[in-house]
Amino acid sequence: MEEHVYPNEPALTREDDAADALVRELQQQAKDAGLWAPHLPPEAGGSGHGFLEYAHLNEEIGRSFVAQLVFGCQAPDAGNAEILHLYGTDEQKERFLRPLVAGEVRSFFGMTEPEVAGSDPTLLRGRAVRDGDEWVIDAHKWFSSGADGAAFAVLMVVTEPDAEPHRRASMILVPTDTPGYELVRRIPVMGHEGRGWGTHCETRFTGVRVPLTNRLGEPGDGFRIAQKRLGPGRIHHVMRWLGQMQRAFELMCARALEREAFGSPLAEKQTVQNWIAESAADIQACRLMTMQAAQRIDDGDEARVEISVIKFFVARALGEVLDRALQVHGGLGLTDDTPLALMWRMARGGRIYDGPDEVHKAVVARRILRSFAEGDGWRFT
């Protein structure tokens, strides 16, 4: 990070061919250093050895918005690779997983639809109908992150319309060179459109035909696989947020010590001191909760409550820490001369994507209350 990522941040955030070439060069250096794809175990082509280890790595990777691409663990490719590793057939792994993990191609995940609430996936309207030995897909998706330049989609659509709500959808692998697929547009988010892996796109699938063998798992497994994908995906985000908060905290403290106003350094102003103390407490609380959740996953627990708790708690703390750091920097904080403006802009989405705060709070409350209703109570351990 110190030698290769931070010095190259200005070049890596440009959206041109030179930046793409630099990314490929740095990716090779990460591979040579044995740090490539740390979210996957060696048998899947990665360098990972457990969730807790990945949490510590992501603390560092998360300090720079572009670093996850350098280390081959960017969203949504990381989550797609994990479910392909867990649920893919040998043929699917060879065709889709191997080049994805090698960094030869990118992918996107297509679930959210503009016509229905993204917080309730049982409302999905996209359909895949069997016709002989093929699926015929008609779907309209948006916030298809990374779709610009992706080689294939992991698409969640209804395949079992008569089943109960959580058994209606399946996941299907769709190459983007299939006739009927259309990248409609790159959606500007907070004034930023981006290109390549950093995009959020609107996509359409009109009469798209792919083999029946492109389905992941069993019929109606879409929600089960989604939980396997989105649970770890949520904690991946949170791990990176820890790094962003810590970097913002360091910048805030350095700025407070060096900047003077009204006769003394900002560090001597009580309000700034309060912000630093509150941020230190927020970061430590977030860090301990995240590491506990990672340890539980390593122990074989789904950690559903822990993941939902950190998803809404850390997303909120991230916004507050970044806001304080930006305020201490004054006008400088609004510019791109520091990473704070980009971090602050991207942080707001954390309270919406991969489940809005309100949904995660409901999950936590329901599971805790169910435990009390069954006479088990709840232990904060």
Protein backbone atom coordinates (compact mmCIF):
# COMPACT_ATOMS: atom_id res chain seq x y z
CA MET A 1 0.00 0.00 0.00
CA GLU A 2 2.73 2.46 0.98
CA GLU A 3 4.99 1.65 -1.95
CA HIS A 4 2.58 0.99 -4.80
CA VAL A 5 -0.97 2.17 -4.07
CA TYR A 6 -0.89 5.54 -2.26
CA PRO A 7 1.73 7.11 -4.59
CA ASN A 8 -0.32 6.04 -7.62
CA GLU A 9 -3.77 7.07 -6.38
CA PRO A 10 -4.05 10.20 -8.57
CA ALA A 11 -3.15 8.18 -11.67
CA LEU A 12 -5.37 5.22 -10.73
CA THR A 13 -8.46 7.38 -10.23
CA ARG A 14 -8.21 8.74 -13.77
CA GLU A 15 -10.50 7.06 -16.24
CA ASP A 16 -8.24 6.40 -19.20
CA ASP A 17 -6.14 3.69 -20.86
CA ALA A 18 -3.02 4.71 -18.95
CA ALA A 19 -4.79 4.07 -15.65
CA ASP A 20 -5.95 0.66 -16.89
CA ALA A 21 -2.38 -0.26 -17.85
CA LEU A 22 -1.10 0.85 -14.44
CA VAL A 23 -3.74 -1.27 -12.72
CA ARG A 24 -2.59 -4.35 -14.64
CA GLU A 25 1.02 -3.66 -13.69
CA LEU A 26 0.17 -3.31 -10.00
CA GLN A 27 -2.05 -6.39 -10.11
CA GLN A 28 0.91 -8.43 -11.32
CA GLN A 29 2.99 -7.09 -8.44
CA ALA A 30 0.26 -8.14 -6.00
CA LYS A 31 0.26 -11.63 -7.54
CA ASP A 32 4.05 -11.84 -7.30
CA ALA A 33 3.84 -10.86 -3.62
CA GLY A 34 1.31 -13.61 -2.84
CA LEU A 35 -1.43 -11.10 -2.00
CA TRP A 36 -3.77 -11.72 -4.94
CA ALA A 37 -7.50 -12.51 -4.36
CA PRO A 38 -7.23 -12.80 -0.56
CA HIS A 39 -10.99 -13.46 -0.30
CA LEU A 40 -10.57 -16.92 -1.84
CA PRO A 41 -8.62 -19.97 -0.66
CA PRO A 42 -5.64 -21.25 -2.68
CA GLU A 43 -7.69 -24.10 -4.20
CA ALA A 44 -9.89 -21.46 -5.86
CA GLY A 45 -6.93 -19.44 -7.13
CA GLY A 46 -6.68 -16.98 -4.24
CA SER A 47 -4.31 -16.39 -1.36
CA GLY A 48 -6.75 -16.30 1.55
CA HIS A 49 -6.61 -18.34 4.75
CA GLY A 50 -9.78 -17.47 6.66
CA PHE A 51 -12.18 -14.65 7.24
CA LEU A 52 -10.41 -13.05 10.20
CA GLU A 53 -7.17 -12.81 8.24
CA TYR A 54 -9.08 -11.22 5.36
CA ALA A 55 -10.59 -8.72 7.80
CA HIS A 56 -7.11 -7.55 8.82
CA LEU A 57 -5.98 -7.36 5.19
CA ASN A 58 -9.08 -5.39 4.22
CA GLU A 59 -8.41 -2.86 6.95
CA GLU A 60 -5.36 -1.88 4.94
CA ILE A 61 -6.87 -2.38 1.48
CA GLY A 62 -9.89 -0.28 2.42
CA ARG A 63 -7.77 2.78 3.13
CA SER A 64 -7.69 3.48 -0.62
CA PHE A 65 -10.77 3.28 -2.82
CA VAL A 66 -8.76 1.84 -5.73
CA ALA A 67 -6.77 -0.73 -3.77
CA GLN A 68 -9.34 -3.52 -3.93
CA LEU A 69 -8.91 -3.60 -7.71
CA VAL A 70 -5.13 -3.85 -7.34
CA PHE A 71 -5.47 -6.87 -5.03
CA GLY A 72 -8.19 -8.55 -7.11
CA CYS A 73 -10.88 -8.43 -4.42
CA GLN A 74 -13.16 -5.70 -5.77
CA ALA A 75 -16.92 -5.84 -5.55
CA PRO A 76 -18.92 -7.37 -7.15
CA ASP A 77 -16.29 -9.78 -8.52
CA ALA A 78 -15.28 -10.98 -5.06
CA GLY A 79 -18.81 -12.07 -4.18
CA ASN A 80 -19.42 -13.60 -7.60
CA ALA A 81 -16.20 -15.58 -7.32
CA GLU A 82 -17.16 -16.87 -3.88
CA ILE A 83 -20.53 -18.25 -5.01
CA LEU A 84 -19.01 -19.74 -8.16
CA HIS A 85 -16.46 -21.48 -5.95
CA LEU A 86 -19.19 -22.76 -3.62
CA TYR A 87 -21.97 -23.60 -6.08
CA GLY A 88 -20.47 -23.75 -9.56
CA THR A 89 -20.13 -26.95 -11.54
CA ASP A 90 -16.72 -27.96 -12.85
CA GLU A 91 -17.70 -26.60 -16.25
CA GLN A 92 -18.88 -23.28 -14.79
CA LYS A 93 -15.71 -22.94 -12.75
CA GLU A 94 -13.53 -23.47 -15.78
CA ARG A 95 -15.48 -21.11 -18.02
CA PHE A 96 -16.34 -18.34 -15.54
CA LEU A 97 -14.46 -18.66 -12.24
CA ARG A 98 -10.94 -19.37 -13.51
CA PRO A 99 -10.62 -16.24 -15.72
CA LEU A 100 -12.43 -14.13 -13.11
CA VAL A 101 -10.03 -15.05 -10.31
CA ALA A 102 -7.06 -14.64 -12.66
CA GLY A 103 -8.13 -11.05 -13.33
CA GLU A 104 -8.56 -11.73 -17.03
CA VAL A 105 -12.25 -10.68 -16.98
CA ARG A 106 -14.70 -8.84 -14.77
CA SER A 107 -18.31 -9.64 -13.89
CA PHE A 108 -21.41 -8.00 -12.48
CA PHE A 109 -24.30 -9.02 -10.24
CA GLY A 110 -27.80 -8.29 -11.54
CA MET A 111 -30.53 -8.33 -8.91
CA THR A 112 -31.97 -4.85 -8.21
CA GLU A 113 -34.73 -3.66 -10.55
CA PRO A 114 -35.91 -0.05 -11.01
CA GLU A 115 -39.60 -0.96 -10.99
CA VAL A 116 -39.67 -2.61 -7.54
CA ALA A 117 -38.15 -2.01 -4.10
CA GLY A 118 -34.60 -3.31 -3.95
CA SER A 119 -35.00 -3.94 -0.22
CA ASP A 120 -37.57 -6.70 -0.96
CA PRO A 121 -36.16 -9.17 -3.52
CA THR A 122 -39.36 -11.25 -3.42
CA LEU A 123 -40.81 -8.55 -5.70
CA LEU A 124 -38.41 -9.30 -8.57
CA ARG A 125 -40.08 -9.21 -11.99
CA GLY A 126 -37.23 -10.50 -14.16
CA ARG A 127 -38.05 -13.92 -15.62
CA ALA A 128 -36.24 -16.90 -17.10
CA VAL A 129 -38.45 -19.44 -18.89
CA ARG A 130 -37.32 -22.90 -19.99
CA ASP A 131 -37.44 -23.54 -23.72
CA GLY A 132 -35.95 -26.90 -24.60
CA ASP A 133 -32.41 -26.95 -23.27
CA GLU A 134 -32.24 -23.14 -22.87
CA TRP A 135 -33.36 -20.36 -20.58
CA VAL A 136 -35.10 -17.43 -22.25
CA ILE A 137 -34.48 -14.37 -20.07
CA ASP A 138 -36.39 -11.08 -19.95
CA ALA A 139 -35.28 -8.70 -17.22
CA HIS A 140 -34.56 -5.04 -16.50
CA LYS A 141 -31.87 -4.36 -13.89
CA TRP A 142 -30.10 -1.35 -12.51
CA PHE A 143 -27.26 -0.69 -10.08
CA SER A 144 -25.54 -3.52 -11.92
CA SER A 145 -22.20 -2.54 -10.45
CA GLY A 146 -19.22 -3.00 -12.74
CA ALA A 147 -21.33 -3.94 -15.78
CA ASP A 148 -19.36 -1.58 -18.04
CA GLY A 149 -16.77 -3.89 -19.61
CA ALA A 150 -17.87 -7.02 -17.72
CA ALA A 151 -17.64 -10.38 -19.49
CA PHE A 152 -20.60 -11.98 -17.75
CA ALA A 153 -23.43 -11.41 -15.31
CA VAL A 154 -24.64 -13.40 -12.35
CA LEU A 155 -28.33 -12.70 -12.82
CA MET A 156 -31.08 -13.29 -10.26
CA VAL A 157 -34.45 -13.88 -11.94
CA VAL A 158 -37.69 -15.75 -11.26
CA THR A 159 -37.59 -19.30 -12.65
CA GLU A 160 -40.18 -20.98 -10.38
CA PRO A 161 -43.13 -18.55 -10.39
CA ASP A 162 -45.51 -20.93 -8.58
CA ALA A 163 -43.19 -21.66 -5.66
CA GLU A 164 -43.33 -19.87 -2.30
CA PRO A 165 -41.75 -16.37 -2.44
CA HIS A 166 -38.24 -17.32 -1.28
CA ARG A 167 -38.03 -20.33 -3.64
CA ARG A 168 -39.05 -18.52 -6.84
CA ALA A 169 -35.72 -17.08 -7.97
CA SER A 170 -32.58 -18.70 -9.36
CA MET A 171 -29.17 -17.36 -10.35
CA ILE A 172 -28.12 -17.74 -13.97
CA LEU A 173 -24.76 -17.00 -15.60
CA VAL A 174 -25.14 -14.80 -18.68
CA PRO A 175 -22.18 -13.87 -20.94
CA THR A 176 -22.53 -10.23 -21.99
CA ASP A 177 -21.86 -11.05 -25.65
CA THR A 178 -25.16 -12.99 -25.76
CA PRO A 179 -27.71 -11.51 -28.21
CA GLY A 180 -30.43 -9.57 -26.42
CA TYR A 181 -28.21 -8.21 -23.65
CA GLU A 182 -27.93 -4.41 -23.52
CA LEU A 183 -25.95 -2.07 -21.31
CA VAL A 184 -28.44 0.82 -21.32
CA ARG A 185 -26.37 3.43 -19.48
CA ARG A 186 -23.89 4.12 -16.72
CA ILE A 187 -25.93 5.70 -13.92
CA PRO A 188 -24.41 8.86 -12.40
CA VAL A 189 -24.21 8.38 -8.62
CA MET A 190 -23.60 11.45 -6.46
CA GLY A 191 -22.46 13.29 -9.59
CA HIS A 192 -19.98 10.56 -10.56
CA GLU A 193 -20.53 8.25 -13.54
CA GLY A 194 -17.20 6.42 -13.67
CA ARG A 195 -16.11 3.70 -16.02
CA GLY A 196 -15.28 0.02 -15.84
CA TRP A 197 -15.43 -1.64 -12.43
CA GLY A 198 -16.53 1.52 -10.63
CA THR A 199 -19.78 1.96 -12.56
CA HIS A 200 -23.39 1.38 -11.54
CA CYS A 201 -25.29 0.50 -14.70
CA GLU A 202 -28.76 -0.01 -16.06
CA THR A 203 -28.99 -3.23 -18.07
CA ARG A 204 -31.64 -5.08 -20.08
CA PHE A 205 -32.06 -8.71 -21.06
CA THR A 206 -34.53 -9.16 -23.90
CA GLY A 207 -35.13 -12.69 -25.10
CA VAL A 208 -31.62 -13.64 -23.99
CA ARG A 209 -30.94 -17.36 -24.45
CA VAL A 210 -28.39 -19.32 -22.44
CA PRO A 211 -28.09 -23.06 -21.73
CA LEU A 212 -30.01 -24.56 -18.80
CA THR A 213 -26.59 -25.61 -17.46
CA ASN A 214 -25.81 -21.93 -16.74
CA ARG A 215 -27.98 -22.00 -13.61
CA LEU A 216 -26.11 -21.89 -10.30
CA GLY A 217 -27.26 -24.48 -7.80
CA GLU A 218 -30.72 -26.03 -7.80
CA PRO A 219 -33.99 -24.50 -9.06
CA GLY A 220 -35.18 -21.79 -6.67
CA ASP A 221 -31.81 -21.57 -4.88
CA GLY A 222 -31.40 -17.87 -5.71
CA PHE A 223 -32.24 -16.51 -2.27
CA ARG A 224 -30.17 -19.10 -0.44
CA ILE A 225 -27.17 -18.37 -2.64
CA ALA A 226 -27.79 -14.63 -2.34
CA GLN A 227 -27.53 -14.87 1.44
CA LYS A 228 -24.26 -16.77 1.11
CA ARG A 229 -23.03 -14.05 -1.24
CA LEU A 230 -24.41 -10.93 0.43
CA GLY A 231 -23.57 -11.88 4.02
CA PRO A 232 -19.81 -12.05 3.42
CA GLY A 233 -20.15 -9.18 0.90
CA ARG A 234 -21.57 -6.92 3.60
CA ILE A 235 -18.73 -7.65 6.00
CA HIS A 236 -16.23 -7.15 3.15
CA HIS A 237 -17.57 -3.60 2.80
CA VAL A 238 -17.40 -3.05 6.55
CA MET A 239 -13.80 -4.26 6.72
CA ARG A 240 -12.82 -1.73 4.08
CA TRP A 241 -14.75 1.00 5.89
CA LEU A 242 -12.52 0.42 8.92
CA GLY A 243 -9.53 1.32 6.79
CA GLN A 244 -11.25 4.42 5.42
CA MET A 245 -12.15 5.61 8.92
CA GLN A 246 -8.63 5.07 10.17
CA ARG A 247 -7.09 6.96 7.26
CA ALA A 248 -9.56 9.81 7.67
CA PHE A 249 -8.77 9.88 11.41
CA GLU A 250 -5.04 10.15 10.73
CA LEU A 251 -5.61 12.97 8.25
CA MET A 252 -7.87 14.77 10.72
CA CYS A 253 -5.33 14.58 13.55
CA ALA A 254 -2.47 15.73 11.33
CA ARG A 255 -4.52 18.64 10.02
CA ALA A 256 -5.61 19.65 13.52
CA LEU A 257 -2.00 19.81 14.67
CA GLU A 258 -0.63 21.76 11.71
CA ARG A 259 -3.46 24.21 10.97
CA GLU A 260 -3.80 27.40 13.02
CA ALA A 261 -6.82 29.67 13.35
CA PHE A 262 -7.66 32.46 15.80
CA GLY A 263 -4.27 32.33 17.47
CA SER A 264 -3.81 28.60 18.11
CA PRO A 265 -3.77 25.21 16.36
CA LEU A 266 -7.10 23.58 15.65
CA ALA A 267 -5.96 20.78 17.96
CA GLU A 268 -6.45 23.12 20.90
CA LYS A 269 -10.08 23.85 20.07
CA GLN A 270 -12.46 21.90 22.30
CA THR A 271 -14.85 21.06 19.48
CA VAL A 272 -12.07 19.52 17.42
CA GLN A 273 -10.85 17.60 20.47
CA ASN A 274 -14.38 16.23 20.93
CA TRP A 275 -14.48 15.12 17.29
CA ILE A 276 -11.16 13.31 17.66
CA ALA A 277 -12.22 11.56 20.88
CA GLU A 278 -15.60 10.54 19.45
CA SER A 279 -13.99 9.27 16.26
CA ALA A 280 -11.45 7.20 18.20
CA ALA A 281 -14.29 5.58 20.16
CA ASP A 282 -16.35 4.98 17.02
CA ILE A 283 -13.47 3.34 15.16
CA GLN A 284 -12.51 1.08 18.05
CA ALA A 285 -16.11 -0.05 18.62
CA CYS A 286 -16.59 -0.75 14.92
CA ARG A 287 -13.31 -2.60 14.69
CA LEU A 288 -13.98 -4.92 17.64
CA MET A 289 -17.51 -5.76 16.43
CA THR A 290 -16.24 -6.48 12.92
CA MET A 291 -13.43 -8.74 14.09
CA GLN A 292 -15.87 -10.62 16.32
CA ALA A 293 -18.19 -11.22 13.37
CA ALA A 294 -15.26 -12.38 11.22
CA GLN A 295 -14.16 -14.81 13.93
CA ARG A 296 -17.66 -16.26 14.16
CA ILE A 297 -17.73 -16.84 10.40
CA ASP A 298 -14.39 -18.64 10.67
CA ASP A 299 -15.94 -20.77 13.44
CA GLY A 300 -18.70 -21.87 11.08
CA ASP A 301 -21.45 -19.52 12.31
CA GLU A 302 -23.53 -17.59 9.76
CA ALA A 303 -23.29 -14.59 12.11
CA ARG A 304 -26.49 -13.13 10.65
CA VAL A 305 -27.17 -10.83 13.62
CA GLU A 306 -23.55 -9.74 13.92
CA ILE A 307 -23.31 -8.95 10.20
CA SER A 308 -26.53 -6.92 10.21
CA VAL A 309 -25.46 -5.03 13.33
CA ILE A 310 -22.11 -3.97 11.88
CA LYS A 311 -23.66 -3.19 8.49
CA PHE A 312 -25.87 -0.39 9.84
CA PHE A 313 -23.68 0.62 12.79
CA VAL A 314 -20.41 0.95 10.89
CA ALA A 315 -22.08 2.61 7.88
CA ARG A 316 -23.37 5.34 10.17
CA ALA A 317 -20.07 5.70 12.04
CA LEU A 318 -18.17 5.88 8.75
CA GLY A 319 -20.25 8.84 7.63
CA GLU A 320 -19.76 10.63 10.93
CA VAL A 321 -15.98 10.10 11.09
CA LEU A 322 -15.55 11.22 7.49
CA ASP A 323 -17.75 14.26 8.06
CA ARG A 324 -15.69 15.35 11.07
CA ALA A 325 -12.42 14.85 9.18
CA LEU A 326 -13.73 16.81 6.23
CA GLN A 327 -14.90 19.64 8.49
CA VAL A 328 -11.48 19.93 10.14
CA HIS A 329 -9.95 20.31 6.67
CA GLY A 330 -12.32 23.14 5.80
CA GLY A 331 -12.39 24.06 2.13
CA LEU A 332 -9.50 21.69 1.42
CA GLY A 333 -11.72 18.79 2.44
CA LEU A 334 -14.13 19.57 -0.39
CA THR A 335 -11.43 19.24 -3.03
CA ASP A 336 -9.80 16.15 -4.50
CA ASP A 337 -6.43 17.16 -3.04
CA THR A 338 -7.19 14.70 -0.24
CA PRO A 339 -9.13 11.40 -0.47
CA LEU A 340 -11.79 12.68 1.93
CA ALA A 341 -14.23 14.10 -0.63
CA LEU A 342 -14.36 10.83 -2.58
CA MET A 343 -14.66 8.79 0.60
CA TRP A 344 -17.46 11.01 1.92
CA ARG A 345 -19.37 10.83 -1.35
CA MET A 346 -19.10 7.05 -1.56
CA ALA A 347 -19.89 6.49 2.13
CA ARG A 348 -23.50 7.65 1.91
CA GLY A 349 -24.39 4.70 -0.29
CA GLY A 350 -23.25 2.32 2.43
CA ARG A 351 -26.50 2.90 4.30
CA ILE A 352 -28.50 1.74 1.27
CA TYR A 353 -26.69 -0.92 -0.78
CA ASP A 354 -26.57 -4.56 0.35
CA GLY A 355 -29.68 -3.83 2.40
CA PRO A 356 -30.72 -0.45 3.82
CA ASP A 357 -30.18 0.31 7.51
CA GLU A 358 -33.85 -0.17 8.30
CA VAL A 359 -33.94 -3.73 6.94
CA HIS A 360 -30.86 -4.75 8.90
CA LYS A 361 -32.28 -3.28 12.10
CA ALA A 362 -35.47 -5.25 11.54
CA VAL A 363 -33.44 -8.45 11.02
CA VAL A 364 -31.55 -7.87 14.27
CA ALA A 365 -34.69 -7.09 16.28
CA ARG A 366 -36.67 -10.06 14.93
CA ARG A 367 -33.91 -12.57 15.62
CA ILE A 368 -33.26 -11.27 19.14
CA LEU A 369 -36.97 -11.20 20.01
CA ARG A 370 -37.41 -14.72 18.61
CA SER A 371 -34.61 -15.90 20.86
CA PHE A 372 -36.32 -14.34 23.90
CA ALA A 373 -39.70 -15.80 22.88
CA GLU A 374 -38.11 -19.25 22.77
CA GLY A 375 -36.73 -18.74 26.28
CA ASP A 376 -33.09 -18.48 25.26
CA GLY A 377 -32.55 -14.77 25.85
CA TRP A 378 -29.59 -13.06 24.27
CA ARG A 379 -25.91 -12.99 25.22
CA PHE A 380 -23.56 -10.24 24.08
CA THR A 381 -20.55 -12.49 23.67
